[in-house]
Amino acid sequence: MFKGFNKSVIVFMSIVLLMGMVLAACGNDGKSSGAGGDQVFRMILGSEPPSLDPGLAQDNNSSTVLRPIYDGLTRKDENGEVKGAAAEKWEVSKDGLKYTFNLRKDAKWSNGDPVKASDFVFAWKRALDPAFAAPYAYQLYYIKNAEEYNTKKITDANQIGVKAVDDYTLEVELKAPTPYFDSLVSFYTYFPLNEKHVKATPKFAAEANTMVTNGAFTIKEWKHNDSITLAKNESYYGAKDIKLATVNMKILNDANTQLQMYNSGEIDWVGRPVGEIPVDKLPSLKADKNFGLQVKGIASSYYYEFNTKQAPFDNAKIRKAFAMAIDRKSIVEKVTLGDQIPAFGFVPPGIKGEKKTFREEVKDDYFKEDVNEAKKLLEEGLKEKGLTKLPQVTLIYNTSEAHKKIAEAVVDMWKKNLGADIKLENQEFGVYIKNRQTGNFQIARAGWGADYNDPMTYIDLLMTGGGNNNSKYSNAEYDKLVKEAQTTQDDKKRMEAMAKAEKLMVSEMPIIPVYYYTGIWAQKPYVKNVFIDYKGDIDFTKGYIEKK
């Protein structure tokens, strides 16, 4: 028996040991979760978000973080229906040209400041400032004089059709009736910014401790290229309905490691929207009823884009040859394995049309796969360019095992069907985004998810000078058709104009449609009320961890 220990010390040591056992059972580093755990949800981000400034963001990784930390005027539910958010209600004038949004008076920024109508005015004018160079500035062109200001045709920002009538009333004048404007303002380029804070802290979006936001969550910690941790925003007007205390986002792009983490219980969700399940594992996971694999059609398109300003892809015949030489059915059945649908148009299923969905009303039969015709077009195109063979061509894609497998299959088809030797180049996400923006590519992998529930979210992407028109496609007739669709309230005429524009664009093939996405993911059974919406985004704002 050891001497020198009295009864009180033994009791104290017993308490310490017991506390240690309790803490061990809860986990560490905020990672407790699962049945019986805390309200902590753990998921994956496929890469470091290139920007968490709503005015500069343009990708799914950034969007996945921005959507829960900011509240726009409206939000969309699981089916794409518009719901009020920072705006309690809104009115539209009879001519469809004026929207009056009444803001919630209990909405606050995470630093306690009230969310004012002027914060929206400030954010929108900032995005339209030509010196700011927002890639999504064109999404604000529906507003009176927005395009004119952004393109320097006018210099007075006060002429832009948005004003704060008072602290809680925002008035917006449109240049033409836009039936989907209430859906459009749910997009992150339309998010407000705390004017006082942004002016005092220009690099506010660079670190967790400099961000002031107004959504259901705040950024608690940002370990660059490692993880992002969100915490419930106690200042949020709907805080009583937010059950999750913490959302841990591990930044990781290796699909096999993600799956291992899910199987070992380190994360609660794997796959869509920005994680990845290894495609070669999908057949066995589909057959495993205990794994709970989920597959859902979403309003997103997978495609390749050409740099139409760089030879040889400044020739439409060569672009069409590459598009017609791909076997899409083989790709979705033998490579992607996720019930995707071969695409022969750009607008995916699930996007609203006049009475049904656009894709139900307008068939995507704009072109066919035809190897013989593709060879003929390639030969004609090369002759027009004064070439006897293709120069060295490189296809770039961002780091992803799925993107790699698809690209390998596509270049094999081009080799077999066209005799084209295409080099593949994998790039880190931030580099890949920048190269596409600056035109430093020949062919690039691309994908587009709906920013709002209308075909226009796809159709206006390829307008001349558009901030996300990386292919630099330009066609005056196409632009005219888009403008026609943007300036009428007649849904039938709108859909007809957009169908004509899509057909014209596909006939010139600045992009190669490959397939329409499905959302593929798995979630632990204790994760409740977290969903993938109509366009493939994750919404965990009303989610919770079911305890035993």
Protein backbone atom coordinates (compact mmCIF):
# COMPACT_ATOMS: atom_id res chain seq x y z
CA MET A 1 0.00 0.00 0.00
CA PHE A 2 1.27 3.44 -0.93
CA LYS A 3 1.64 5.85 1.92
CA GLY A 4 0.98 9.57 1.80
CA PHE A 5 -2.50 9.35 0.03
CA ASN A 6 -5.51 10.32 2.07
CA LYS A 7 -9.18 9.71 1.29
CA SER A 8 -9.82 13.19 -0.20
CA VAL A 9 -6.99 12.78 -2.73
CA ILE A 10 -8.35 9.39 -3.81
CA VAL A 11 -11.81 10.92 -4.31
CA PHE A 12 -10.32 13.81 -6.30
CA MET A 13 -8.36 11.43 -8.56
CA SER A 14 -11.50 9.36 -9.14
CA ILE A 15 -13.38 12.47 -10.29
CA VAL A 16 -10.55 13.41 -12.66
CA LEU A 17 -10.55 9.91 -14.16
CA LEU A 18 -14.33 9.98 -14.56
CA MET A 19 -14.22 13.38 -16.30
CA GLY A 20 -11.54 12.06 -18.63
CA MET A 21 -13.72 9.10 -19.56
CA VAL A 22 -16.67 11.42 -20.29
CA LEU A 23 -14.56 13.72 -22.45
CA ALA A 24 -13.13 10.77 -24.34
CA ALA A 25 -16.62 9.50 -25.06
CA CYS A 26 -17.58 12.89 -26.51
CA GLY A 27 -14.61 13.00 -28.86
CA ASN A 28 -12.17 15.85 -29.35
CA ASP A 29 -11.56 19.00 -31.37
CA GLY A 30 -15.29 19.54 -31.81
CA LYS A 31 -15.61 16.32 -33.77
CA SER A 32 -18.21 14.57 -31.70
CA SER A 33 -21.20 13.53 -33.70
CA GLY A 34 -23.41 10.60 -34.48
CA ALA A 35 -26.14 9.02 -32.42
CA GLY A 36 -25.85 10.34 -28.89
CA GLY A 37 -23.28 13.00 -29.85
CA ASP A 38 -23.40 16.79 -29.81
CA GLN A 39 -25.03 18.89 -32.54
CA VAL A 40 -21.95 18.76 -34.78
CA PHE A 41 -22.23 18.01 -38.49
CA ARG A 42 -19.06 16.93 -40.34
CA MET A 43 -18.64 17.06 -44.11
CA ILE A 44 -16.09 17.60 -46.88
CA LEU A 45 -15.08 20.59 -48.99
CA GLY A 46 -13.37 19.45 -52.18
CA SER A 47 -10.88 22.33 -52.14
CA GLU A 48 -9.96 25.62 -50.51
CA PRO A 49 -12.64 28.18 -51.51
CA PRO A 50 -10.97 30.63 -53.94
CA SER A 51 -12.98 33.51 -52.44
CA LEU A 52 -15.51 34.00 -49.66
CA ASP A 53 -16.31 37.51 -50.86
CA PRO A 54 -19.88 37.26 -52.25
CA GLY A 55 -18.92 39.75 -54.93
CA LEU A 56 -16.01 37.65 -56.19
CA ALA A 57 -17.14 34.06 -55.59
CA GLN A 58 -18.00 31.94 -58.64
CA ASP A 59 -17.62 28.28 -57.68
CA ASN A 60 -19.38 25.54 -55.77
CA ASN A 61 -16.85 25.25 -52.94
CA SER A 62 -17.18 28.95 -52.14
CA SER A 63 -20.97 28.79 -52.53
CA THR A 64 -21.21 25.86 -50.10
CA VAL A 65 -19.65 28.04 -47.39
CA LEU A 66 -21.34 31.32 -48.34
CA ARG A 67 -24.93 30.10 -48.41
CA PRO A 68 -25.20 29.20 -44.70
CA ILE A 69 -23.30 32.28 -43.49
CA TYR A 70 -25.24 34.91 -45.46
CA ASP A 71 -28.93 35.63 -45.86
CA GLY A 72 -30.09 37.16 -49.13
CA LEU A 73 -33.45 38.81 -49.61
CA THR A 74 -34.93 35.39 -50.42
CA ARG A 75 -33.90 31.75 -50.35
CA LYS A 76 -35.04 28.66 -52.26
CA ASP A 77 -36.35 25.49 -50.71
CA GLU A 78 -35.57 21.88 -51.66
CA ASN A 79 -37.75 22.13 -54.78
CA GLY A 80 -36.51 25.54 -55.91
CA GLU A 81 -39.52 27.47 -54.61
CA VAL A 82 -38.84 31.00 -53.36
CA LYS A 83 -39.15 31.78 -49.65
CA GLY A 84 -38.55 34.98 -47.70
CA ALA A 85 -35.21 35.40 -45.92
CA ALA A 86 -33.85 38.86 -45.02
CA ALA A 87 -37.00 40.18 -46.71
CA GLU A 88 -40.25 39.36 -44.91
CA LYS A 89 -42.36 40.26 -47.94
CA TRP A 90 -42.18 42.04 -51.27
CA GLU A 91 -44.44 43.67 -53.78
CA VAL A 92 -44.18 43.85 -57.56
CA SER A 93 -45.67 46.67 -59.60
CA LYS A 94 -48.27 45.81 -62.22
CA ASP A 95 -45.81 46.44 -65.05
CA GLY A 96 -43.25 44.13 -63.40
CA LEU A 97 -40.62 46.87 -63.33
CA LYS A 98 -40.47 47.72 -59.63
CA TYR A 99 -39.85 45.42 -56.67
CA THR A 100 -40.28 46.74 -53.14
CA PHE A 101 -38.71 44.50 -50.48
CA ASN A 102 -39.65 44.93 -46.83
CA LEU A 103 -36.76 43.76 -44.66
CA ARG A 104 -37.07 42.00 -41.33
CA LYS A 105 -36.52 44.41 -38.45
CA ASP A 106 -35.02 41.68 -36.28
CA ALA A 107 -32.23 40.74 -38.73
CA LYS A 108 -28.75 41.44 -37.39
CA TRP A 109 -25.16 41.10 -38.50
CA SER A 110 -22.97 38.77 -36.48
CA ASN A 111 -21.40 41.84 -34.78
CA GLY A 112 -24.84 42.99 -33.61
CA ASP A 113 -25.45 45.70 -36.23
CA PRO A 114 -28.91 45.74 -37.81
CA VAL A 115 -29.15 44.52 -41.41
CA LYS A 116 -30.24 47.57 -43.40
CA ALA A 117 -31.53 48.15 -46.91
CA SER A 118 -28.43 50.27 -47.50
CA ASP A 119 -26.28 47.15 -46.98
CA PHE A 120 -27.88 45.63 -50.07
CA VAL A 121 -27.45 48.85 -52.05
CA PHE A 122 -23.78 48.99 -51.07
CA ALA A 123 -23.11 45.33 -51.98
CA TRP A 124 -24.82 45.53 -55.35
CA LYS A 125 -23.15 48.77 -56.41
CA ARG A 126 -19.81 47.38 -55.27
CA ALA A 127 -20.28 44.30 -57.49
CA LEU A 128 -21.19 46.55 -60.42
CA ASP A 129 -18.18 48.85 -60.01
CA PRO A 130 -16.09 48.26 -63.17
CA ALA A 131 -12.91 48.56 -61.09
CA PHE A 132 -14.05 45.72 -58.83
CA ALA A 133 -14.36 43.27 -61.77
CA ALA A 134 -16.98 40.95 -60.27
CA PRO A 135 -17.31 37.84 -62.46
CA TYR A 136 -21.04 37.77 -61.80
CA ALA A 137 -21.68 41.48 -62.39
CA TYR A 138 -23.86 40.52 -65.35
CA GLN A 139 -26.32 38.84 -62.99
CA LEU A 140 -27.24 42.35 -61.82
CA TYR A 141 -27.91 43.63 -65.32
CA TYR A 142 -31.64 43.16 -64.83
CA ILE A 143 -31.54 46.30 -62.70
CA LYS A 144 -32.06 49.64 -64.44
CA ASN A 145 -28.72 51.18 -65.53
CA ALA A 146 -26.71 48.36 -63.92
CA GLU A 147 -25.17 47.23 -67.21
CA GLU A 148 -24.57 50.80 -68.30
CA TYR A 149 -22.65 51.54 -65.11
CA ASN A 150 -20.66 48.30 -65.19
CA THR A 151 -19.67 48.87 -68.82
CA LYS A 152 -18.79 52.56 -68.16
CA LYS A 153 -21.54 53.99 -70.34
CA ILE A 154 -22.56 56.02 -67.30
CA THR A 155 -20.37 56.96 -64.36
CA ASP A 156 -22.90 57.93 -61.69
CA ALA A 157 -23.72 54.95 -59.45
CA ASN A 158 -26.75 56.83 -58.17
CA GLN A 159 -28.43 56.18 -61.52
CA ILE A 160 -28.51 52.44 -60.80
CA GLY A 161 -32.08 51.42 -60.05
CA VAL A 162 -31.70 50.41 -56.43
CA LYS A 163 -32.23 52.56 -53.37
CA ALA A 164 -32.90 52.32 -49.66
CA VAL A 165 -36.20 54.13 -49.07
CA ASP A 166 -35.52 53.75 -45.36
CA ASP A 167 -33.57 51.30 -43.19
CA TYR A 168 -36.00 48.47 -43.88
CA THR A 169 -37.37 49.20 -47.35
CA LEU A 170 -35.40 48.37 -50.49
CA GLU A 171 -36.73 49.56 -53.84
CA VAL A 172 -35.45 48.02 -57.07
CA GLU A 173 -36.22 49.28 -60.58
CA LEU A 174 -35.69 46.80 -63.41
CA LYS A 175 -34.96 47.68 -67.01
CA ALA A 176 -37.41 45.00 -68.18
CA PRO A 177 -39.94 42.71 -66.46
CA THR A 178 -38.13 39.73 -64.95
CA PRO A 179 -40.57 37.11 -63.61
CA TYR A 180 -37.82 35.21 -61.79
CA PHE A 181 -36.21 38.22 -60.07
CA ASP A 182 -37.38 37.07 -56.62
CA SER A 183 -35.50 33.80 -57.27
CA LEU A 184 -32.47 35.62 -58.63
CA VAL A 185 -31.94 37.70 -55.46
CA SER A 186 -31.34 34.49 -53.48
CA PHE A 187 -28.01 34.13 -55.33
CA TYR A 188 -24.80 35.09 -53.51
CA THR A 189 -23.85 38.03 -55.73
CA TYR A 190 -27.03 39.65 -54.37
CA PHE A 191 -26.08 39.02 -50.73
CA PRO A 192 -25.76 42.14 -48.54
CA LEU A 193 -22.51 43.35 -47.02
CA ASN A 194 -22.07 45.27 -43.78
CA GLU A 195 -21.08 48.57 -45.35
CA LYS A 196 -19.36 50.01 -42.28
CA HIS A 197 -17.31 46.86 -41.71
CA VAL A 198 -16.29 46.32 -45.34
CA LYS A 199 -15.14 49.92 -45.72
CA ALA A 200 -13.08 49.61 -42.53
CA THR A 201 -11.76 46.13 -43.43
CA PRO A 202 -11.33 45.84 -47.23
CA LYS A 203 -9.84 42.33 -46.93
CA PHE A 204 -12.72 41.19 -44.75
CA ALA A 205 -13.14 37.86 -46.58
CA ALA A 206 -9.57 36.66 -46.08
CA GLU A 207 -9.83 35.25 -42.55
CA ALA A 208 -12.46 33.92 -40.17
CA ASN A 209 -11.95 36.68 -37.59
CA THR A 210 -12.53 39.48 -40.11
CA MET A 211 -15.84 38.24 -41.49
CA VAL A 212 -19.11 39.82 -40.41
CA THR A 213 -22.08 37.89 -41.80
CA ASN A 214 -25.86 37.73 -41.40
CA GLY A 215 -26.74 34.07 -41.97
CA ALA A 216 -27.65 31.16 -39.75
CA PHE A 217 -23.94 30.39 -39.16
CA THR A 218 -20.70 32.27 -38.79
CA ILE A 219 -17.16 31.21 -39.63
CA LYS A 220 -15.58 30.24 -36.34
CA GLU A 221 -12.26 29.02 -37.73
CA TRP A 222 -10.58 28.86 -41.13
CA LYS A 223 -7.41 26.81 -41.38
CA HIS A 224 -6.48 27.50 -44.96
CA ASN A 225 -6.25 24.40 -47.14
CA ASP A 226 -7.18 22.26 -44.15
CA SER A 227 -10.63 23.00 -42.71
CA ILE A 228 -13.41 25.51 -42.13
CA THR A 229 -15.54 25.45 -39.00
CA LEU A 230 -18.94 27.12 -38.87
CA ALA A 231 -20.76 27.95 -35.64
CA LYS A 232 -24.39 28.75 -35.00
CA ASN A 233 -24.97 32.51 -35.25
CA GLU A 234 -26.66 33.47 -31.99
CA SER A 235 -27.50 36.89 -33.49
CA TYR A 236 -29.54 35.29 -36.30
CA TYR A 237 -33.23 36.13 -36.18
CA GLY A 238 -34.12 32.45 -36.61
CA ALA A 239 -31.51 31.15 -34.15
CA LYS A 240 -34.12 29.28 -32.11
CA ASP A 241 -34.78 27.05 -35.13
CA ILE A 242 -31.11 26.28 -35.76
CA LYS A 243 -30.21 23.05 -33.99
CA LEU A 244 -26.67 22.42 -35.22
CA ALA A 245 -24.06 24.08 -33.01
CA THR A 246 -21.12 23.43 -35.32
CA VAL A 247 -20.44 22.40 -38.91
CA ASN A 248 -16.94 21.05 -39.58
CA MET A 249 -15.81 21.14 -43.21
CA LYS A 250 -12.64 19.20 -43.90
CA ILE A 251 -10.84 20.41 -47.05
CA LEU A 252 -9.81 17.29 -48.94
CA ASN A 253 -9.95 16.29 -52.62
CA ASP A 254 -8.98 12.61 -52.49
CA ALA A 255 -12.13 10.54 -53.02
CA ASN A 256 -10.77 7.33 -51.49
CA THR A 257 -9.70 9.13 -48.31
CA GLN A 258 -13.11 10.76 -48.07
CA LEU A 259 -14.79 7.37 -48.27
CA GLN A 260 -12.44 5.93 -45.66
CA MET A 261 -13.25 8.82 -43.32
CA TYR A 262 -16.97 8.21 -43.81
CA ASN A 263 -16.67 4.47 -43.17
CA SER A 264 -14.59 5.06 -40.05
CA GLY A 265 -17.08 7.58 -38.66
CA GLU A 266 -14.86 10.66 -39.01
CA ILE A 267 -17.40 12.45 -41.21
CA ASP A 268 -21.19 12.24 -41.37
CA TRP A 269 -21.71 12.99 -45.07
CA VAL A 270 -19.75 12.04 -48.17
CA GLY A 271 -20.29 12.99 -51.80
CA ARG A 272 -22.42 15.78 -53.23
CA PRO A 273 -22.12 18.76 -53.33
CA VAL A 274 -18.35 19.21 -53.12
CA GLY A 275 -17.13 15.87 -51.85
CA GLU A 276 -16.66 12.80 -54.00
CA ILE A 277 -17.34 9.08 -53.82
CA PRO A 278 -14.89 6.98 -55.90
CA VAL A 279 -16.67 6.05 -59.12
CA ASP A 280 -15.20 2.55 -59.17
CA LYS A 281 -16.82 1.91 -55.77
CA LEU A 282 -20.32 2.96 -56.86
CA PRO A 283 -21.53 -0.46 -58.12
CA SER A 284 -20.71 -2.20 -54.83
CA LEU A 285 -22.03 0.72 -52.75
CA LYS A 286 -25.31 0.68 -54.68
CA ALA A 287 -25.68 -3.00 -53.80
CA ASP A 288 -24.86 -2.39 -50.13
CA LYS A 289 -28.18 -1.52 -48.50
CA ASN A 290 -26.47 -0.65 -45.23
CA PHE A 291 -24.30 2.01 -46.86
CA GLY A 292 -27.32 4.09 -47.88
CA LEU A 293 -26.06 5.52 -51.16
CA GLN A 294 -28.41 8.19 -52.52
CA VAL A 295 -28.71 9.30 -56.14
CA LYS A 296 -30.86 12.25 -57.19
CA GLY A 297 -31.23 14.09 -60.49
CA ILE A 298 -30.16 17.72 -60.11
CA ALA A 299 -30.29 20.80 -62.31
CA SER A 300 -26.62 20.84 -63.30
CA SER A 301 -24.67 20.14 -66.49
CA TYR A 302 -21.22 18.62 -67.08
CA TYR A 303 -19.38 19.83 -70.17
CA TYR A 304 -16.09 20.81 -71.77
CA GLU A 305 -15.44 24.34 -72.95
CA PHE A 306 -13.23 25.45 -75.80
CA ASN A 307 -11.13 28.58 -75.91
CA THR A 308 -12.79 29.93 -79.07
CA LYS A 309 -10.23 32.70 -79.38
CA GLN A 310 -7.29 30.33 -79.73
CA ALA A 311 -6.43 28.07 -82.68
CA PRO A 312 -7.52 25.47 -83.58
CA PHE A 313 -10.75 25.90 -81.64
CA ASP A 314 -11.55 29.24 -83.21
CA ASN A 315 -13.02 27.03 -85.95
CA ALA A 316 -16.59 25.80 -85.37
CA LYS A 317 -16.17 22.70 -87.56
CA ILE A 318 -13.27 21.47 -85.46
CA ARG A 319 -15.23 22.10 -82.25
CA LYS A 320 -18.24 20.20 -83.62
CA ALA A 321 -16.01 17.32 -84.70
CA PHE A 322 -14.74 16.93 -81.13
CA ALA A 323 -18.31 17.05 -79.78
CA MET A 324 -19.67 14.46 -82.22
CA ALA A 325 -16.82 12.02 -81.57
CA ILE A 326 -17.79 11.37 -77.92
CA ASP A 327 -19.87 8.35 -76.89
CA ARG A 328 -21.87 9.79 -74.00
CA LYS A 329 -23.81 6.61 -73.27
CA SER A 330 -20.54 4.78 -72.75
CA ILE A 331 -19.32 7.48 -70.37
CA VAL A 332 -22.37 7.39 -68.09
CA GLU A 333 -22.69 3.60 -68.17
CA LYS A 334 -19.03 2.63 -67.89
CA VAL A 335 -17.23 5.59 -66.29
CA THR A 336 -19.44 7.80 -64.12
CA LEU A 337 -21.80 4.99 -63.04
CA GLY A 338 -24.18 7.38 -61.28
CA ASP A 339 -27.33 7.27 -63.45
CA GLN A 340 -26.36 10.47 -65.24
CA ILE A 341 -28.17 11.35 -68.48
CA PRO A 342 -26.25 11.95 -71.75
CA ALA A 343 -26.54 15.64 -72.68
CA PHE A 344 -27.14 17.04 -76.15
CA GLY A 345 -28.14 20.48 -74.91
CA PHE A 346 -27.05 22.82 -72.14
CA VAL A 347 -30.12 23.40 -69.93
CA PRO A 348 -30.56 20.33 -67.67
CA PRO A 349 -33.75 18.60 -66.53
CA GLY A 350 -35.44 20.11 -63.49
CA ILE A 351 -35.36 23.75 -64.61
CA LYS A 352 -38.75 25.42 -64.91
CA GLY A 353 -40.23 25.99 -68.34
CA GLU A 354 -43.51 27.58 -69.38
CA LYS A 355 -45.83 24.91 -67.95
CA LYS A 356 -43.58 21.92 -67.33
CA THR A 357 -39.80 21.82 -67.15
CA PHE A 358 -37.82 23.41 -69.96
CA ARG A 359 -36.27 20.10 -70.97
CA GLU A 360 -39.68 18.44 -71.17
CA GLU A 361 -40.91 21.21 -73.46
CA VAL A 362 -37.75 21.61 -75.54
CA LYS A 363 -36.01 18.39 -76.55
CA ASP A 364 -32.21 18.40 -76.58
CA ASP A 365 -31.85 16.83 -80.00
CA TYR A 366 -29.63 19.58 -81.40
CA PHE A 367 -26.91 17.22 -82.64
CA LYS A 368 -26.00 13.54 -82.85
CA GLU A 369 -22.90 11.51 -82.27
CA ASP A 370 -21.51 10.55 -85.66
CA VAL A 371 -17.87 9.53 -86.03
CA ASN A 372 -17.85 9.67 -89.84
CA GLU A 373 -19.33 13.15 -89.87
CA ALA A 374 -16.89 14.18 -87.14
CA LYS A 375 -13.92 13.05 -89.25
CA LYS A 376 -15.28 14.98 -92.22
CA LEU A 377 -15.78 18.15 -90.18
CA LEU A 378 -12.29 17.89 -88.67
CA GLU A 379 -10.73 17.56 -92.11
CA GLU A 380 -12.71 20.53 -93.43
CA GLY A 381 -11.90 22.62 -90.38
CA LEU A 382 -8.18 21.91 -90.56
CA LYS A 383 -8.19 22.81 -94.26
CA GLU A 384 -9.90 26.12 -93.47
CA LYS A 385 -7.17 26.82 -90.92
CA GLY A 386 -4.44 25.89 -93.39
CA LEU A 387 -3.40 22.92 -91.26
CA THR A 388 -2.68 19.33 -92.21
CA LYS A 389 -3.00 18.07 -88.63
CA LEU A 390 -3.97 19.26 -85.20
CA PRO A 391 -1.36 21.17 -83.20
CA GLN A 392 -0.58 20.05 -79.64
CA VAL A 393 -3.78 20.29 -77.60
CA THR A 394 -4.12 20.12 -73.81
CA LEU A 395 -7.28 19.46 -71.82
CA ILE A 396 -7.20 20.81 -68.26
CA TYR A 397 -9.31 19.59 -65.35
CA ASN A 398 -9.36 20.29 -61.62
CA THR A 399 -8.10 17.67 -59.20
CA SER A 400 -10.67 14.89 -58.92
CA GLU A 401 -10.53 11.18 -59.58
CA ALA A 402 -13.89 11.33 -61.37
CA HIS A 403 -12.82 14.22 -63.63
CA LYS A 404 -9.63 12.34 -64.42
CA LYS A 405 -11.45 9.15 -65.40
CA ILE A 406 -13.94 11.02 -67.57
CA ALA A 407 -11.17 13.02 -69.27
CA GLU A 408 -9.17 9.86 -69.93
CA ALA A 409 -12.21 8.22 -71.53
CA VAL A 410 -12.92 11.29 -73.67
CA VAL A 411 -9.37 11.68 -74.97
CA ASP A 412 -9.29 7.95 -75.76
CA MET A 413 -12.40 8.47 -77.88
CA TRP A 414 -10.82 11.43 -79.63
CA LYS A 415 -7.71 9.37 -80.30
CA LYS A 416 -9.68 6.40 -81.64
CA ASN A 417 -12.27 8.36 -83.63
CA LEU A 418 -10.30 11.40 -84.81
CA GLY A 419 -6.68 10.37 -84.50
CA ALA A 420 -6.18 13.29 -82.10
CA ASP A 421 -3.47 13.07 -79.44
CA ILE A 422 -4.67 15.19 -76.52
CA LYS A 423 -2.55 15.86 -73.47
CA LEU A 424 -4.24 15.84 -70.04
CA GLU A 425 -3.27 18.27 -67.31
CA ASN A 426 -4.56 18.11 -63.73
CA GLN A 427 -4.61 21.48 -61.95
CA GLU A 428 -5.27 22.61 -58.38
CA PHE A 429 -8.71 24.17 -58.17
CA GLY A 430 -7.63 27.80 -57.68
CA VAL A 431 -5.14 27.59 -60.55
CA TYR A 432 -7.69 25.89 -62.78
CA ILE A 433 -10.29 28.60 -62.09
CA LYS A 434 -7.81 31.39 -62.82
CA ASN A 435 -6.61 29.77 -66.06
CA ARG A 436 -10.16 29.47 -67.33
CA GLN A 437 -10.90 33.09 -66.42
CA THR A 438 -7.81 34.41 -68.17
CA GLY A 439 -8.17 32.22 -71.26
CA ASN A 440 -5.03 30.25 -70.48
CA PHE A 441 -6.39 26.96 -71.82
CA GLN A 442 -7.45 25.17 -75.01
CA ILE A 443 -10.08 22.76 -73.63
CA ALA A 444 -11.25 22.77 -70.02
CA ARG A 445 -13.56 20.63 -67.96
CA ALA A 446 -16.53 22.60 -66.70
CA GLY A 447 -19.79 22.23 -64.86
CA TRP A 448 -22.67 24.59 -64.23
CA GLY A 449 -25.36 24.45 -61.60
CA ALA A 450 -28.42 26.68 -61.64
CA ASP A 451 -28.02 30.03 -59.90
CA TYR A 452 -31.81 30.39 -59.95
CA ASN A 453 -34.68 28.30 -61.24
CA ASP A 454 -35.02 29.52 -64.82
CA PRO A 455 -33.36 28.48 -68.12
CA MET A 456 -31.78 31.94 -68.29
CA THR A 457 -29.24 30.88 -65.66
CA TYR A 458 -27.71 28.73 -68.42
CA ILE A 459 -28.58 30.72 -71.52
CA ASP A 460 -27.06 34.06 -70.47
CA LEU A 461 -23.81 32.37 -69.46
CA LEU A 462 -22.52 32.52 -73.05
CA MET A 463 -23.48 36.09 -73.87
CA THR A 464 -20.72 38.23 -75.35
CA GLY A 465 -18.53 39.61 -72.59
CA GLY A 466 -20.17 37.61 -69.79
CA GLY A 467 -18.03 37.30 -66.66
CA ASN A 468 -18.31 33.49 -66.69
CA ASN A 469 -18.14 33.09 -70.48
CA ASN A 470 -14.71 31.47 -70.34
CA SER A 471 -14.97 30.17 -73.89
CA LYS A 472 -15.25 33.83 -75.05
CA TYR A 473 -18.08 32.79 -77.37
CA SER A 474 -19.63 35.73 -79.19
CA ASN A 475 -22.59 35.73 -81.56
CA ALA A 476 -24.75 38.81 -82.16
CA GLU A 477 -27.83 36.76 -83.01
CA TYR A 478 -27.42 34.74 -79.82
CA ASP A 479 -27.14 37.92 -77.76
CA LYS A 480 -30.25 39.30 -79.47
CA LEU A 481 -32.27 36.21 -78.59
CA VAL A 482 -31.14 36.36 -74.98
CA LYS A 483 -32.09 40.03 -74.76
CA GLU A 484 -35.46 39.19 -76.30
CA ALA A 485 -36.07 36.61 -73.59
CA GLN A 486 -34.95 39.04 -70.90
CA THR A 487 -37.30 41.82 -71.97
CA THR A 488 -40.68 40.11 -72.09
CA GLN A 489 -43.06 38.89 -69.42
CA ASP A 490 -44.67 36.45 -71.85
CA ASP A 491 -43.38 33.06 -70.66
CA LYS A 492 -44.12 31.38 -73.99
CA LYS A 493 -42.09 33.97 -75.91
CA ARG A 494 -39.32 33.79 -73.31
CA MET A 495 -39.02 30.02 -73.62
CA GLU A 496 -39.13 30.15 -77.43
CA ALA A 497 -36.34 32.74 -77.54
CA MET A 498 -34.17 30.75 -75.12
CA ALA A 499 -34.76 27.52 -77.06
CA LYS A 500 -33.63 29.25 -80.27
CA ALA A 501 -30.57 30.64 -78.47
CA GLU A 502 -29.63 27.22 -77.08
CA LYS A 503 -30.01 25.61 -80.51
CA LEU A 504 -27.86 28.32 -82.14
CA MET A 505 -25.16 28.06 -79.49
CA VAL A 506 -24.99 24.25 -79.66
CA SER A 507 -24.77 24.41 -83.46
CA GLU A 508 -21.54 26.40 -83.05
CA MET A 509 -20.34 24.29 -80.10
CA PRO A 510 -18.30 26.68 -77.91
CA ILE A 511 -18.93 24.03 -75.27
CA ILE A 512 -19.39 20.25 -75.48
CA PRO A 513 -22.37 19.01 -73.44
CA VAL A 514 -21.45 15.63 -71.92
CA TYR A 515 -24.08 14.70 -69.34
CA TYR A 516 -26.65 16.05 -66.91
CA TYR A 517 -25.52 15.55 -63.34
CA THR A 518 -27.00 13.46 -60.61
CA GLY A 519 -26.28 14.19 -56.98
CA ILE A 520 -24.53 11.20 -55.40
CA TRP A 521 -23.96 11.07 -51.67
CA ALA A 522 -24.35 9.08 -48.47
CA GLN A 523 -25.26 10.31 -45.02
CA LYS A 524 -25.22 8.71 -41.62
CA PRO A 525 -28.67 7.63 -40.39
CA TYR A 526 -28.49 10.02 -37.44
CA VAL A 527 -28.20 13.06 -39.76
CA LYS A 528 -31.69 14.53 -40.07
CA ASN A 529 -33.24 17.35 -42.10
CA VAL A 530 -30.13 17.95 -44.23
CA PHE A 531 -30.94 17.83 -47.92
CA ILE A 532 -29.63 18.29 -51.45
CA ASP A 533 -31.83 20.78 -53.27
CA TYR A 534 -33.06 20.86 -56.86
CA LYS A 535 -29.76 22.23 -58.18
CA GLY A 536 -27.46 20.04 -56.08
CA ASP A 537 -26.57 22.37 -53.19
CA ILE A 538 -26.55 21.12 -49.61
CA ASP A 539 -28.78 22.80 -47.02
CA PHE A 540 -28.06 21.97 -43.39
CA THR A 541 -29.51 25.12 -41.81
CA LYS A 542 -32.44 23.19 -40.32
CA GLY A 543 -30.51 19.97 -39.85
CA TYR A 544 -29.76 18.18 -36.61
CA ILE A 545 -28.04 15.13 -35.18
CA GLU A 546 -30.55 12.66 -33.80
CA LYS A 547 -29.61 11.61 -30.31
CA LYS A 548 -30.51 8.29 -28.69
